[in-house]
Amino acid sequence: MSDKNRVCPVEKAGGLDSGIRKFLHNPVKILSPYLKSGMTVIDIGCGPGVFTIEAAKMVGKSGRVIAVDFQQGMLDILKDKIKGTEIENRITPHKCEQDKLGVTDKADFILAFYMVHEVPDKGNFFREIKAMLKPDGSLLIVEPKFHVSKEGFDQMLKSLTSIGFRAVERPKIFFSRSALLKPRV
């Protein structure tokens, strides 16, 4: 696996969950325009659950969040954080394979935050996401500018367009390249 596809190790989960990161990439600010009560959300590459936990609060008691990661250690950190809380029953941890998500549920919203650049086969990854998304659902992809060039991100969007997505918004997220996409109908 090249450096470009290297995944953040569990040992560095604290950095993903730091106060400074939550300030720079405030999950409530980023997700609140898109989430509402009762939704099913899939957080791909959930890590220690920074976005998962806030999403679970936003979707309310009638919603749910599927937290997907291929590192069991990240899912264990998330499980420990939510154990005994009111959101524990709203979150379903799901261990995926590195090359297959394996989620069969249909989602209203899918988040792929700072992780698509780590995926070896983006074409298969995007097709699998499309199969998981409801026809009126949304996909938010956010990638770090320091890992993904403008050209690389544009190529990613071109790939998504070729399999039936359309970009509907380009949210401004600190030091990131991002796009909100919907399936073409």
Protein backbone atom coordinates (compact mmCIF):
# COMPACT_ATOMS: atom_id res chain seq x y z
CA MET A 1 0.00 0.00 0.00
CA SER A 2 1.42 3.41 -0.92
CA ASP A 3 1.69 6.33 1.50
CA LYS A 4 -1.21 7.91 -0.34
CA ASN A 5 -3.45 4.99 0.68
CA ARG A 6 -2.12 4.66 4.22
CA VAL A 7 -4.79 4.64 6.91
CA CYS A 8 -4.57 6.55 10.18
CA PRO A 9 -3.62 3.92 12.79
CA VAL A 10 -5.68 3.31 15.93
CA GLU A 11 -2.73 4.53 18.03
CA LYS A 12 -3.32 8.02 16.63
CA ALA A 13 -7.09 8.06 17.30
CA GLY A 14 -6.60 10.72 19.99
CA GLY A 15 -5.48 13.20 17.34
CA LEU A 16 -8.67 12.56 15.38
CA ASP A 17 -10.70 13.22 18.52
CA SER A 18 -8.90 16.31 19.82
CA GLY A 19 -10.48 19.58 20.85
CA ILE A 20 -8.58 21.49 18.17
CA ARG A 21 -9.88 19.17 15.47
CA LYS A 22 -13.45 19.50 16.77
CA PHE A 23 -12.96 23.28 16.64
CA LEU A 24 -11.57 23.27 13.09
CA HIS A 25 -13.99 20.61 11.82
CA ASN A 26 -16.99 21.14 14.07
CA PRO A 27 -19.24 18.12 13.42
CA VAL A 28 -22.40 20.02 14.37
CA LYS A 29 -21.66 22.88 11.96
CA ILE A 30 -20.68 20.51 9.16
CA LEU A 31 -23.56 18.03 9.53
CA SER A 32 -26.50 20.15 10.75
CA PRO A 33 -27.46 21.50 7.30
CA TYR A 34 -27.99 17.91 6.08
CA LEU A 35 -29.28 15.82 9.00
CA LYS A 36 -32.68 15.67 10.62
CA SER A 37 -34.59 13.46 13.00
CA GLY A 38 -35.40 9.97 11.79
CA MET A 39 -32.64 9.70 9.19
CA THR A 40 -30.35 6.74 8.64
CA VAL A 41 -26.75 7.93 8.35
CA ILE A 42 -23.65 5.96 7.38
CA ASP A 43 -20.32 7.36 8.61
CA ILE A 44 -17.63 5.65 6.53
CA GLY A 45 -14.21 5.62 8.13
CA CYS A 46 -15.78 6.69 11.40
CA GLY A 47 -12.56 6.38 13.39
CA PRO A 48 -13.17 7.14 17.08
CA GLY A 49 -16.63 8.53 16.32
CA VAL A 50 -16.23 12.31 16.23
CA PHE A 51 -18.90 12.68 13.53
CA THR A 52 -20.80 9.50 14.46
CA ILE A 53 -21.71 10.71 17.95
CA GLU A 54 -22.94 14.13 16.82
CA ALA A 55 -24.88 12.55 13.94
CA ALA A 56 -26.58 10.18 16.40
CA LYS A 57 -27.71 13.16 18.47
CA MET A 58 -29.05 14.94 15.36
CA VAL A 59 -31.05 11.99 14.00
CA GLY A 60 -32.84 11.58 17.31
CA LYS A 61 -34.45 8.53 18.85
CA SER A 62 -36.08 7.47 15.58
CA GLY A 63 -32.85 7.71 13.56
CA ARG A 64 -29.72 5.64 13.44
CA VAL A 65 -26.09 5.85 12.47
CA ILE A 66 -24.04 3.01 11.03
CA ALA A 67 -20.41 3.63 11.99
CA VAL A 68 -18.15 1.89 9.46
CA ASP A 69 -14.44 1.28 9.91
CA PHE A 70 -12.13 -1.58 8.98
CA GLN A 71 -10.04 -1.15 12.11
CA GLN A 72 -11.66 -2.97 15.03
CA GLY A 73 -9.67 -0.76 17.43
CA MET A 74 -11.46 2.37 16.16
CA LEU A 75 -14.85 0.70 16.59
CA ASP A 76 -13.86 -0.39 20.12
CA ILE A 77 -12.97 3.21 21.04
CA LEU A 78 -16.37 4.34 19.73
CA LYS A 79 -18.21 1.58 21.63
CA ASP A 80 -16.45 2.57 24.87
CA LYS A 81 -17.37 6.24 24.36
CA ILE A 82 -21.09 5.56 23.84
CA LYS A 83 -21.54 2.72 26.34
CA GLY A 84 -24.38 3.55 28.71
CA THR A 85 -25.37 6.77 26.92
CA GLU A 86 -28.74 7.62 25.39
CA ILE A 87 -27.24 7.40 21.89
CA GLU A 88 -25.76 3.90 22.30
CA ASN A 89 -28.82 2.22 20.73
CA ARG A 90 -28.78 4.62 17.76
CA ILE A 91 -25.27 3.67 16.66
CA THR A 92 -24.45 0.38 14.94
CA PRO A 93 -20.70 -0.24 14.64
CA HIS A 94 -19.86 -2.13 11.45
CA LYS A 95 -16.45 -3.60 10.69
CA CYS A 96 -15.83 -3.55 6.96
CA GLU A 97 -13.07 -4.99 4.85
CA GLN A 98 -10.42 -2.70 3.36
CA ASP A 99 -11.88 -3.24 -0.11
CA LYS A 100 -15.57 -3.81 0.69
CA LEU A 101 -17.94 -1.88 2.94
CA GLY A 102 -20.50 -4.68 3.19
CA VAL A 103 -23.37 -2.48 4.39
CA THR A 104 -26.75 -3.56 3.03
CA ASP A 105 -28.86 -0.86 4.70
CA LYS A 106 -30.11 2.11 2.69
CA ALA A 107 -29.07 5.53 3.96
CA ASP A 108 -30.50 9.03 3.75
CA PHE A 109 -27.02 10.48 4.21
CA ILE A 110 -23.50 9.10 3.84
CA LEU A 111 -20.41 10.84 5.18
CA ALA A 112 -16.91 10.10 3.89
CA PHE A 113 -14.72 12.52 5.86
CA TYR A 114 -10.96 12.55 5.18
CA MET A 115 -10.89 8.93 4.08
CA VAL A 116 -11.56 8.51 0.35
CA HIS A 117 -7.89 9.22 -0.44
CA GLU A 118 -7.08 6.07 1.61
CA VAL A 119 -9.26 3.80 -0.57
CA PRO A 120 -7.28 1.71 -3.08
CA ASP A 121 -10.17 1.08 -5.54
CA LYS A 122 -12.27 4.22 -5.62
CA GLY A 123 -14.46 3.01 -8.49
CA ASN A 124 -15.75 0.01 -6.55
CA PHE A 125 -16.00 2.12 -3.41
CA PHE A 126 -18.19 4.72 -5.15
CA ARG A 127 -20.41 2.04 -6.73
CA GLU A 128 -20.92 0.44 -3.33
CA ILE A 129 -21.82 3.82 -1.81
CA LYS A 130 -24.33 4.44 -4.60
CA ALA A 131 -26.00 1.09 -3.84
CA MET A 132 -26.31 2.07 -0.15
CA LEU A 133 -27.81 5.51 -0.78
CA LYS A 134 -31.54 6.08 -1.04
CA PRO A 135 -32.62 7.71 -4.35
CA ASP A 136 -33.19 11.04 -2.56
CA GLY A 137 -30.15 10.65 -0.28
CA SER A 138 -26.97 12.70 -0.10
CA LEU A 139 -23.27 11.92 0.03
CA LEU A 140 -20.83 14.36 1.61
CA ILE A 141 -17.20 13.81 0.67
CA VAL A 142 -14.56 15.88 2.47
CA GLU A 143 -10.88 15.45 1.70
CA PRO A 144 -7.80 17.18 3.16
CA LYS A 145 -6.12 19.70 0.87
CA PHE A 146 -2.72 18.47 2.09
CA HIS A 147 -3.43 14.95 0.74
CA VAL A 148 -5.69 15.59 -2.25
CA SER A 149 -4.87 18.11 -4.97
CA LYS A 150 -7.57 20.13 -6.72
CA GLU A 151 -6.99 18.00 -9.82
CA GLY A 152 -7.24 14.80 -7.76
CA PHE A 153 -10.50 15.94 -6.17
CA ASP A 154 -11.91 16.98 -9.55
CA GLN A 155 -11.00 13.51 -10.88
CA MET A 156 -12.81 11.97 -7.91
CA LEU A 157 -15.92 14.03 -8.73
CA LYS A 158 -15.64 13.02 -12.40
CA SER A 159 -15.62 9.35 -11.34
CA LEU A 160 -18.70 9.92 -9.18
CA THR A 161 -20.45 11.67 -12.07
CA SER A 162 -19.69 8.76 -14.38
CA ILE A 163 -21.47 6.32 -12.06
CA GLY A 164 -24.56 8.47 -11.61
CA PHE A 165 -23.92 11.18 -9.02
CA ARG A 166 -24.24 14.93 -9.42
CA ALA A 167 -22.57 17.56 -7.26
CA VAL A 168 -25.19 19.86 -5.76
CA GLU A 169 -23.07 21.89 -3.37
CA ARG A 170 -19.45 22.65 -2.54
CA PRO A 171 -19.53 23.38 1.21
CA LYS A 172 -16.68 25.43 2.64
CA ILE A 173 -14.86 23.33 5.23
CA PHE A 174 -11.58 24.48 6.75
CA PHE A 175 -8.51 23.30 4.80
CA SER A 176 -10.60 20.81 2.85
CA ARG A 177 -12.03 20.01 -0.55
CA SER A 178 -15.65 18.97 -0.30
CA ALA A 179 -18.74 18.19 -2.28
CA LEU A 180 -22.31 17.24 -1.50
CA LEU A 181 -23.56 14.78 -4.09
CA LYS A 182 -26.91 13.23 -4.92
CA PRO A 183 -27.76 10.35 -7.19
CA ARG A 184 -28.97 11.42 -10.64
CA VAL A 185 -32.56 10.44 -11.09
